[in-house]
Amino acid sequence: MELNTFSVVASCQRTYTLGVAVSSAVPAVGAVCPRIVPGVGAACSQSWTNPYLAIDALARVLDGKAASAALDTVLAGDDAR
């Protein structure tokens, strides 16, 4: 059996509104995958879900890191990737 998870993170450049959506065969995925920090950004981890990836990435952005650098840092430390 093949299970898939799909996620999307988007922002509106006019209103600065953020949105996150996730769909999966895994129950309650919406409780652990998406993260939004107002005024900072949004992130969504998936597959073998590790919610700390999104939490850590957003914390790095809050500390002033560029989103791409924050993503690179958390992915480099993810042994399950």
PDB file of N, CA and C in Angstrom:
ATOM      1  N   MET A   1       0.839  -1.168   0.000  1.00  0.00           N
ATOM      2  CA  MET A   1       0.000   0.000   0.000  1.00  0.00           C
ATOM      3  C   MET A   1       0.889   1.239   0.000  1.00  0.00           C
ATOM      4  N   GLU A   2       0.585   2.151  -0.875  1.00  0.00           N
ATOM      5  CA  GLU A   2       1.337   3.404  -0.946  1.00  0.00           C
ATOM      6  C   GLU A   2       0.527   4.520  -0.300  1.00  0.00           C
ATOM      7  N   LEU A   3       1.136   5.200   0.635  1.00  0.00           N
ATOM      8  CA  LEU A   3       0.489   6.332   1.294  1.00  0.00           C
ATOM      9  C   LEU A   3       1.193   7.606   0.865  1.00  0.00           C
ATOM     10  N   ASN A   4       0.428   8.624   0.582  1.00  0.00           N
ATOM     11  CA  ASN A   4       0.994   9.903   0.153  1.00  0.00           C
ATOM     12  C   ASN A   4       0.484  11.029   1.034  1.00  0.00           C
ATOM     13  N   THR A   5       1.320  12.019   1.190  1.00  0.00           N
ATOM     14  CA  THR A   5       0.947  13.241   1.885  1.00  0.00           C
ATOM     15  C   THR A   5       1.267  14.412   0.974  1.00  0.00           C
ATOM     16  N   PHE A   6       0.354  15.341   0.907  1.00  0.00           N
ATOM     17  CA  PHE A   6       0.535  16.540   0.099  1.00  0.00           C
ATOM     18  C   PHE A   6       0.345  17.748   0.998  1.00  0.00           C
ATOM     19  N   SER A   7       1.213  18.725   0.842  1.00  0.00           N
ATOM     20  CA  SER A   7       1.064  19.946   1.631  1.00  0.00           C
ATOM     21  C   SER A   7       1.392  21.152   0.768  1.00  0.00           C
ATOM     22  N   VAL A   8       0.817  22.278   1.166  1.00  0.00           N
ATOM     23  CA  VAL A   8       1.080  23.537   0.475  1.00  0.00           C
ATOM     24  C   VAL A   8       1.138  24.647   1.518  1.00  0.00           C
ATOM     25  N   VAL A   9       2.085  25.538   1.332  1.00  0.00           N
ATOM     26  CA  VAL A   9       2.208  26.736   2.158  1.00  0.00           C
ATOM     27  C   VAL A   9       2.181  27.913   1.196  1.00  0.00           C
ATOM     28  N   ALA A  10       1.329  28.892   1.459  1.00  0.00           N
ATOM     29  CA  ALA A  10       1.199  30.022   0.536  1.00  0.00           C
ATOM     30  C   ALA A  10       1.041  31.325   1.304  1.00  0.00           C
ATOM     31  N   SER A  11       1.393  32.419   0.619  1.00  0.00           N
ATOM     32  CA  SER A  11       1.201  33.741   1.208  1.00  0.00           C
ATOM     33  C   SER A  11       0.637  34.681   0.153  1.00  0.00           C
ATOM     34  N   CYS A  12      -0.118  35.660   0.616  1.00  0.00           N
ATOM     35  CA  CYS A  12      -0.674  36.690  -0.254  1.00  0.00           C
ATOM     36  C   CYS A  12       0.205  37.931  -0.124  1.00  0.00           C
ATOM     37  N   GLN A  13       0.778  38.370  -1.223  1.00  0.00           N
ATOM     38  CA  GLN A  13       1.657  39.542  -1.179  1.00  0.00           C
ATOM     39  C   GLN A  13       0.892  40.838  -0.932  1.00  0.00           C
ATOM     40  N   ARG A  14      -0.407  40.827  -1.192  1.00  0.00           N
ATOM     41  CA  ARG A  14      -1.204  42.036  -0.987  1.00  0.00           C
ATOM     42  C   ARG A  14      -1.635  42.180   0.476  1.00  0.00           C
ATOM     43  N   THR A  15      -2.101  41.070   1.082  1.00  0.00           N
ATOM     44  CA  THR A  15      -2.624  41.134   2.449  1.00  0.00           C
ATOM     45  C   THR A  15      -1.676  40.543   3.494  1.00  0.00           C
ATOM     46  N   TYR A  16      -0.599  39.905   3.043  1.00  0.00           N
ATOM     47  CA  TYR A  16       0.354  39.227   3.924  1.00  0.00           C
ATOM     48  C   TYR A  16      -0.284  38.092   4.721  1.00  0.00           C
ATOM     49  N   THR A  17      -1.378  37.559   4.206  1.00  0.00           N
ATOM     50  CA  THR A  17      -2.044  36.430   4.830  1.00  0.00           C
ATOM     51  C   THR A  17      -1.292  35.147   4.498  1.00  0.00           C
ATOM     52  N   LEU A  18      -1.130  34.282   5.491  1.00  0.00           N
ATOM     53  CA  LEU A  18      -0.479  32.989   5.297  1.00  0.00           C
ATOM     54  C   LEU A  18      -1.508  31.881   5.387  1.00  0.00           C
ATOM     55  N   GLY A  19      -1.267  30.805   4.647  1.00  0.00           N
ATOM     56  CA  GLY A  19      -2.136  29.646   4.716  1.00  0.00           C
ATOM     57  C   GLY A  19      -1.336  28.365   4.577  1.00  0.00           C
ATOM     58  N   VAL A  20      -1.786  27.329   5.262  1.00  0.00           N
ATOM     59  CA  VAL A  20      -1.163  26.012   5.181  1.00  0.00           C
ATOM     60  C   VAL A  20      -2.274  24.989   5.033  1.00  0.00           C
ATOM     61  N   ALA A  21      -2.077  24.028   4.132  1.00  0.00           N
ATOM     62  CA  ALA A  21      -3.032  22.934   3.973  1.00  0.00           C
ATOM     63  C   ALA A  21      -2.254  21.635   3.832  1.00  0.00           C
ATOM     64  N   VAL A  22      -2.811  20.563   4.371  1.00  0.00           N
ATOM     65  CA  VAL A  22      -2.171  19.253   4.268  1.00  0.00           C
ATOM     66  C   VAL A  22      -3.255  18.192   4.109  1.00  0.00           C
ATOM     67  N   SER A  23      -2.961  17.190   3.306  1.00  0.00           N
ATOM     68  CA  SER A  23      -3.873  16.070   3.089  1.00  0.00           C
ATOM     69  C   SER A  23      -3.060  14.785   3.133  1.00  0.00           C
ATOM     70  N   SER A  24      -3.559  13.797   3.854  1.00  0.00           N
ATOM     71  CA  SER A  24      -2.805  12.556   4.014  1.00  0.00           C
ATOM     72  C   SER A  24      -3.733  11.411   4.380  1.00  0.00           C
ATOM     73  N   ALA A  25      -3.232  10.200   4.202  1.00  0.00           N
ATOM     74  CA  ALA A  25      -3.944   9.016   4.668  1.00  0.00           C
ATOM     75  C   ALA A  25      -3.726   8.805   6.165  1.00  0.00           C
ATOM     76  N   VAL A  26      -2.823   9.562   6.740  1.00  0.00           N
ATOM     77  CA  VAL A  26      -2.500   9.446   8.162  1.00  0.00           C
ATOM     78  C   VAL A  26      -3.518  10.242   8.976  1.00  0.00           C
ATOM     79  N   PRO A  27      -4.155   9.628   9.965  1.00  0.00           N
ATOM     80  CA  PRO A  27      -5.136  10.345  10.774  1.00  0.00           C
ATOM     81  C   PRO A  27      -4.513  11.519  11.542  1.00  0.00           C
ATOM     82  N   ALA A  28      -5.260  12.579  11.667  1.00  0.00           N
ATOM     83  CA  ALA A  28      -4.907  13.758  12.470  1.00  0.00           C
ATOM     84  C   ALA A  28      -3.626  14.440  12.018  1.00  0.00           C
ATOM     85  N   VAL A  29      -3.298  14.329  10.742  1.00  0.00           N
ATOM     86  CA  VAL A  29      -2.066  14.935  10.238  1.00  0.00           C
ATOM     87  C   VAL A  29      -2.073  16.454  10.426  1.00  0.00           C
ATOM     88  N   GLY A  30      -3.236  17.059  10.383  1.00  0.00           N
ATOM     89  CA  GLY A  30      -3.339  18.504  10.551  1.00  0.00           C
ATOM     90  C   GLY A  30      -2.936  18.987  11.931  1.00  0.00           C
ATOM     91  N   ALA A  31      -2.877  18.082  12.890  1.00  0.00           N
ATOM     92  CA  ALA A  31      -2.483  18.459  14.247  1.00  0.00           C
ATOM     93  C   ALA A  31      -0.973  18.506  14.425  1.00  0.00           C
ATOM     94  N   VAL A  32      -0.218  17.863  13.519  1.00  0.00           N
ATOM     95  CA  VAL A  32       1.231  17.790  13.710  1.00  0.00           C
ATOM     96  C   VAL A  32       2.053  18.366  12.563  1.00  0.00           C
ATOM     97  N   CYS A  33       1.488  18.507  11.381  1.00  0.00           N
ATOM     98  CA  CYS A  33       2.283  18.973  10.226  1.00  0.00           C
ATOM     99  C   CYS A  33       2.378  20.490  10.108  1.00  0.00           C
ATOM    100  N   PRO A  34       1.262  21.200   9.995  1.00  0.00           N
ATOM    101  CA  PRO A  34       1.363  22.639   9.703  1.00  0.00           C
ATOM    102  C   PRO A  34       1.681  23.481  10.930  1.00  0.00           C
ATOM    103  N   ARG A  35       2.445  24.532  10.679  1.00  0.00           N
ATOM    104  CA  ARG A  35       2.765  25.512  11.720  1.00  0.00           C
ATOM    105  C   ARG A  35       2.721  26.899  11.101  1.00  0.00           C
ATOM    106  N   ILE A  36       2.094  27.834  11.791  1.00  0.00           N
ATOM    107  CA  ILE A  36       2.105  29.238  11.395  1.00  0.00           C
ATOM    108  C   ILE A  36       2.475  30.058  12.622  1.00  0.00           C
ATOM    109  N   VAL A  37       3.431  30.953  12.456  1.00  0.00           N
ATOM    110  CA  VAL A  37       3.793  31.904  13.504  1.00  0.00           C
ATOM    111  C   VAL A  37       3.477  33.288  12.947  1.00  0.00           C
ATOM    112  N   PRO A  38       2.455  33.963  13.483  1.00  0.00           N
ATOM    113  CA  PRO A  38       2.071  35.274  12.962  1.00  0.00           C
ATOM    114  C   PRO A  38       3.250  36.248  12.925  1.00  0.00           C
ATOM    115  N   GLY A  39       3.389  36.927  11.816  1.00  0.00           N
ATOM    116  CA  GLY A  39       4.455  37.893  11.638  1.00  0.00           C
ATOM    117  C   GLY A  39       5.803  37.282  11.297  1.00  0.00           C
ATOM    118  N   VAL A  40       5.881  35.949  11.243  1.00  0.00           N
ATOM    119  CA  VAL A  40       7.148  35.266  10.973  1.00  0.00           C
ATOM    120  C   VAL A  40       7.058  34.440   9.704  1.00  0.00           C
ATOM    121  N   GLY A  41       6.156  33.464   9.682  1.00  0.00           N
ATOM    122  CA  GLY A  41       6.048  32.607   8.507  1.00  0.00           C
ATOM    123  C   GLY A  41       5.238  31.363   8.786  1.00  0.00           C
ATOM    124  N   ALA A  42       5.255  30.469   7.806  1.00  0.00           N
ATOM    125  CA  ALA A  42       4.528  29.208   7.897  1.00  0.00           C
ATOM    126  C   ALA A  42       5.418  28.096   7.370  1.00  0.00           C
ATOM    127  N   ALA A  43       5.232  26.896   7.913  1.00  0.00           N
ATOM    128  CA  ALA A  43       6.000  25.735   7.472  1.00  0.00           C
ATOM    129  C   ALA A  43       5.151  24.492   7.678  1.00  0.00           C
ATOM    130  N   CYS A  44       5.492  23.443   6.940  1.00  0.00           N
ATOM    131  CA  CYS A  44       4.765  22.186   7.054  1.00  0.00           C
ATOM    132  C   CYS A  44       5.739  21.037   6.838  1.00  0.00           C
ATOM    133  N   SER A  45       5.884  20.170   7.832  1.00  0.00           N
ATOM    134  CA  SER A  45       6.716  18.976   7.667  1.00  0.00           C
ATOM    135  C   SER A  45       5.804  17.811   7.312  1.00  0.00           C
ATOM    136  N   GLN A  46       6.345  16.843   6.598  1.00  0.00           N
ATOM    137  CA  GLN A  46       5.521  15.704   6.211  1.00  0.00           C
ATOM    138  C   GLN A  46       6.369  14.455   6.070  1.00  0.00           C
ATOM    139  N   SER A  47       5.784  13.376   5.595  1.00  0.00           N
ATOM    140  CA  SER A  47       6.362  12.044   5.489  1.00  0.00           C
ATOM    141  C   SER A  47       6.377  11.448   6.888  1.00  0.00           C
ATOM    142  N   TRP A  48       7.534  11.034   7.419  1.00  0.00           N
ATOM    143  CA  TRP A  48       7.601  10.622   8.809  1.00  0.00           C
ATOM    144  C   TRP A  48       7.613  11.924   9.598  1.00  0.00           C
ATOM    145  N   THR A  49       6.453  12.359   9.987  1.00  0.00           N
ATOM    146  CA  THR A  49       6.273  13.713  10.492  1.00  0.00           C
ATOM    147  C   THR A  49       7.112  13.993  11.727  1.00  0.00           C
ATOM    148  N   ASN A  50       7.880  15.057  11.618  1.00  0.00           N
ATOM    149  CA  ASN A  50       8.649  15.582  12.737  1.00  0.00           C
ATOM    150  C   ASN A  50       8.247  17.046  12.875  1.00  0.00           C
ATOM    151  N   PRO A  51       7.287  17.349  13.755  1.00  0.00           N
ATOM    152  CA  PRO A  51       6.816  18.725  13.870  1.00  0.00           C
ATOM    153  C   PRO A  51       7.904  19.701  14.293  1.00  0.00           C
ATOM    154  N   TYR A  52       8.982  19.196  14.879  1.00  0.00           N
ATOM    155  CA  TYR A  52      10.058  20.088  15.314  1.00  0.00           C
ATOM    156  C   TYR A  52      10.820  20.686  14.141  1.00  0.00           C
ATOM    157  N   LEU A  53      10.758  20.064  12.962  1.00  0.00           N
ATOM    158  CA  LEU A  53      11.394  20.664  11.789  1.00  0.00           C
ATOM    159  C   LEU A  53      10.772  22.023  11.497  1.00  0.00           C
ATOM    160  N   ALA A  54       9.447  22.083  11.463  1.00  0.00           N
ATOM    161  CA  ALA A  54       8.756  23.346  11.207  1.00  0.00           C
ATOM    162  C   ALA A  54       8.954  24.315  12.366  1.00  0.00           C
ATOM    163  N   ILE A  55       8.857  23.808  13.585  1.00  0.00           N
ATOM    164  CA  ILE A  55       9.034  24.660  14.763  1.00  0.00           C
ATOM    165  C   ILE A  55      10.434  25.273  14.768  1.00  0.00           C
ATOM    166  N   ASP A  56      11.456  24.448  14.526  1.00  0.00           N
ATOM    167  CA  ASP A  56      12.842  24.934  14.528  1.00  0.00           C
ATOM    168  C   ASP A  56      13.110  25.893  13.372  1.00  0.00           C
ATOM    169  N   ALA A  57      12.568  25.596  12.197  1.00  0.00           N
ATOM    170  CA  ALA A  57      12.775  26.484  11.045  1.00  0.00           C
ATOM    171  C   ALA A  57      12.162  27.854  11.307  1.00  0.00           C
ATOM    172  N   LEU A  58      10.943  27.879  11.830  1.00  0.00           N
ATOM    173  CA  LEU A  58      10.290  29.158  12.106  1.00  0.00           C
ATOM    174  C   LEU A  58      11.009  29.920  13.222  1.00  0.00           C
ATOM    175  N   ALA A  59      11.558  29.212  14.196  1.00  0.00           N
ATOM    176  CA  ALA A  59      12.323  29.876  15.258  1.00  0.00           C
ATOM    177  C   ALA A  59      13.568  30.547  14.682  1.00  0.00           C
ATOM    178  N   ARG A  60      14.204  29.904  13.701  1.00  0.00           N
ATOM    179  CA  ARG A  60      15.384  30.497  13.072  1.00  0.00           C
ATOM    180  C   ARG A  60      15.009  31.746  12.270  1.00  0.00           C
ATOM    181  N   VAL A  61      13.858  31.702  11.601  1.00  0.00           N
ATOM    182  CA  VAL A  61      13.388  32.886  10.867  1.00  0.00           C
ATOM    183  C   VAL A  61      13.096  34.012  11.854  1.00  0.00           C
ATOM    184  N   LEU A  62      12.467  33.690  12.968  1.00  0.00           N
ATOM    185  CA  LEU A  62      12.174  34.684  14.003  1.00  0.00           C
ATOM    186  C   LEU A  62      13.465  35.309  14.537  1.00  0.00           C
ATOM    187  N   ASP A  63      14.542  34.533  14.559  1.00  0.00           N
ATOM    188  CA  ASP A  63      15.850  35.035  15.009  1.00  0.00           C
ATOM    189  C   ASP A  63      16.585  35.826  13.936  1.00  0.00           C
ATOM    190  N   GLY A  64      15.966  35.980  12.747  1.00  0.00           N
ATOM    191  CA  GLY A  64      16.564  36.809  11.708  1.00  0.00           C
ATOM    192  C   GLY A  64      17.200  36.067  10.549  1.00  0.00           C
ATOM    193  N   LYS A  65      17.161  34.739  10.559  1.00  0.00           N
ATOM    194  CA  LYS A  65      17.715  33.971   9.442  1.00  0.00           C
ATOM    195  C   LYS A  65      16.788  34.066   8.235  1.00  0.00           C
ATOM    196  N   ALA A  66      17.355  34.002   7.046  1.00  0.00           N
ATOM    197  CA  ALA A  66      16.549  33.920   5.828  1.00  0.00           C
ATOM    198  C   ALA A  66      15.827  32.575   5.823  1.00  0.00           C
ATOM    199  N   ALA A  67      14.637  32.539   5.233  1.00  0.00           N
ATOM    200  CA  ALA A  67      13.855  31.303   5.195  1.00  0.00           C
ATOM    201  C   ALA A  67      14.640  30.169   4.547  1.00  0.00           C
ATOM    202  N   SER A  68      15.350  30.460   3.469  1.00  0.00           N
ATOM    203  CA  SER A  68      16.111  29.405   2.787  1.00  0.00           C
ATOM    204  C   SER A  68      17.232  28.869   3.677  1.00  0.00           C
ATOM    205  N   ALA A  69      17.890  29.739   4.432  1.00  0.00           N
ATOM    206  CA  ALA A  69      18.952  29.302   5.343  1.00  0.00           C
ATOM    207  C   ALA A  69      18.375  28.482   6.494  1.00  0.00           C
ATOM    208  N   ALA A  70      17.230  28.894   7.008  1.00  0.00           N
ATOM    209  CA  ALA A  70      16.575  28.147   8.084  1.00  0.00           C
ATOM    210  C   ALA A  70      16.193  26.752   7.606  1.00  0.00           C
ATOM    211  N   LEU A  71      15.655  26.667   6.406  1.00  0.00           N
ATOM    212  CA  LEU A  71      15.279  25.370   5.840  1.00  0.00           C
ATOM    213  C   LEU A  71      16.506  24.485   5.657  1.00  0.00           C
ATOM    214  N   ASP A  72      17.565  25.035   5.085  1.00  0.00           N
ATOM    215  CA  ASP A  72      18.797  24.263   4.885  1.00  0.00           C
ATOM    216  C   ASP A  72      19.331  23.719   6.208  1.00  0.00           C
ATOM    217  N   THR A  73      19.286  24.536   7.246  1.00  0.00           N
ATOM    218  CA  THR A  73      19.810  24.133   8.552  1.00  0.00           C
ATOM    219  C   THR A  73      19.016  22.976   9.143  1.00  0.00           C
ATOM    220  N   VAL A  74      17.681  23.079   9.152  1.00  0.00           N
ATOM    221  CA  VAL A  74      16.891  22.006   9.763  1.00  0.00           C
ATOM    222  C   VAL A  74      16.942  20.728   8.929  1.00  0.00           C
ATOM    223  N   LEU A  75      16.991  20.854   7.619  1.00  0.00           N
ATOM    224  CA  LEU A  75      17.072  19.650   6.785  1.00  0.00           C
ATOM    225  C   LEU A  75      18.419  18.954   6.944  1.00  0.00           C
ATOM    226  N   ALA A  76      19.478  19.716   7.115  1.00  0.00           N
ATOM    227  CA  ALA A  76      20.803  19.120   7.310  1.00  0.00           C
ATOM    228  C   ALA A  76      20.868  18.313   8.605  1.00  0.00           C
ATOM    229  N   GLY A  77      20.083  18.706   9.594  1.00  0.00           N
ATOM    230  CA  GLY A  77      20.079  18.001  10.867  1.00  0.00           C
ATOM    231  C   GLY A  77      19.046  16.898  10.969  1.00  0.00           C
ATOM    232  N   ASP A  78      18.316  16.627   9.892  1.00  0.00           N
ATOM    233  CA  ASP A  78      17.259  15.611   9.905  1.00  0.00           C
ATOM    234  C   ASP A  78      17.816  14.280   9.405  1.00  0.00           C
ATOM    235  N   ASP A  79      18.140  13.384  10.327  1.00  0.00           N
ATOM    236  CA  ASP A  79      18.703  12.087   9.957  1.00  0.00           C
ATOM    237  C   ASP A  79      17.713  11.199   9.205  1.00  0.00           C
ATOM    238  N   ALA A  80      16.416  11.462   9.351  1.00  0.00           N
ATOM    239  CA  ALA A  80      15.402  10.641   8.682  1.00  0.00           C
ATOM    240  C   ALA A  80      15.116  11.110   7.258  1.00  0.00           C
ATOM    241  N   ARG A  81      15.744  12.176   6.840  1.00  0.00           N
ATOM    242  CA  ARG A  81      15.474  12.735   5.507  1.00  0.00           C
ATOM    243  C   ARG A  81      16.031  11.863   4.428  1.00  0.00           C
TER     244      ARG A  81
END
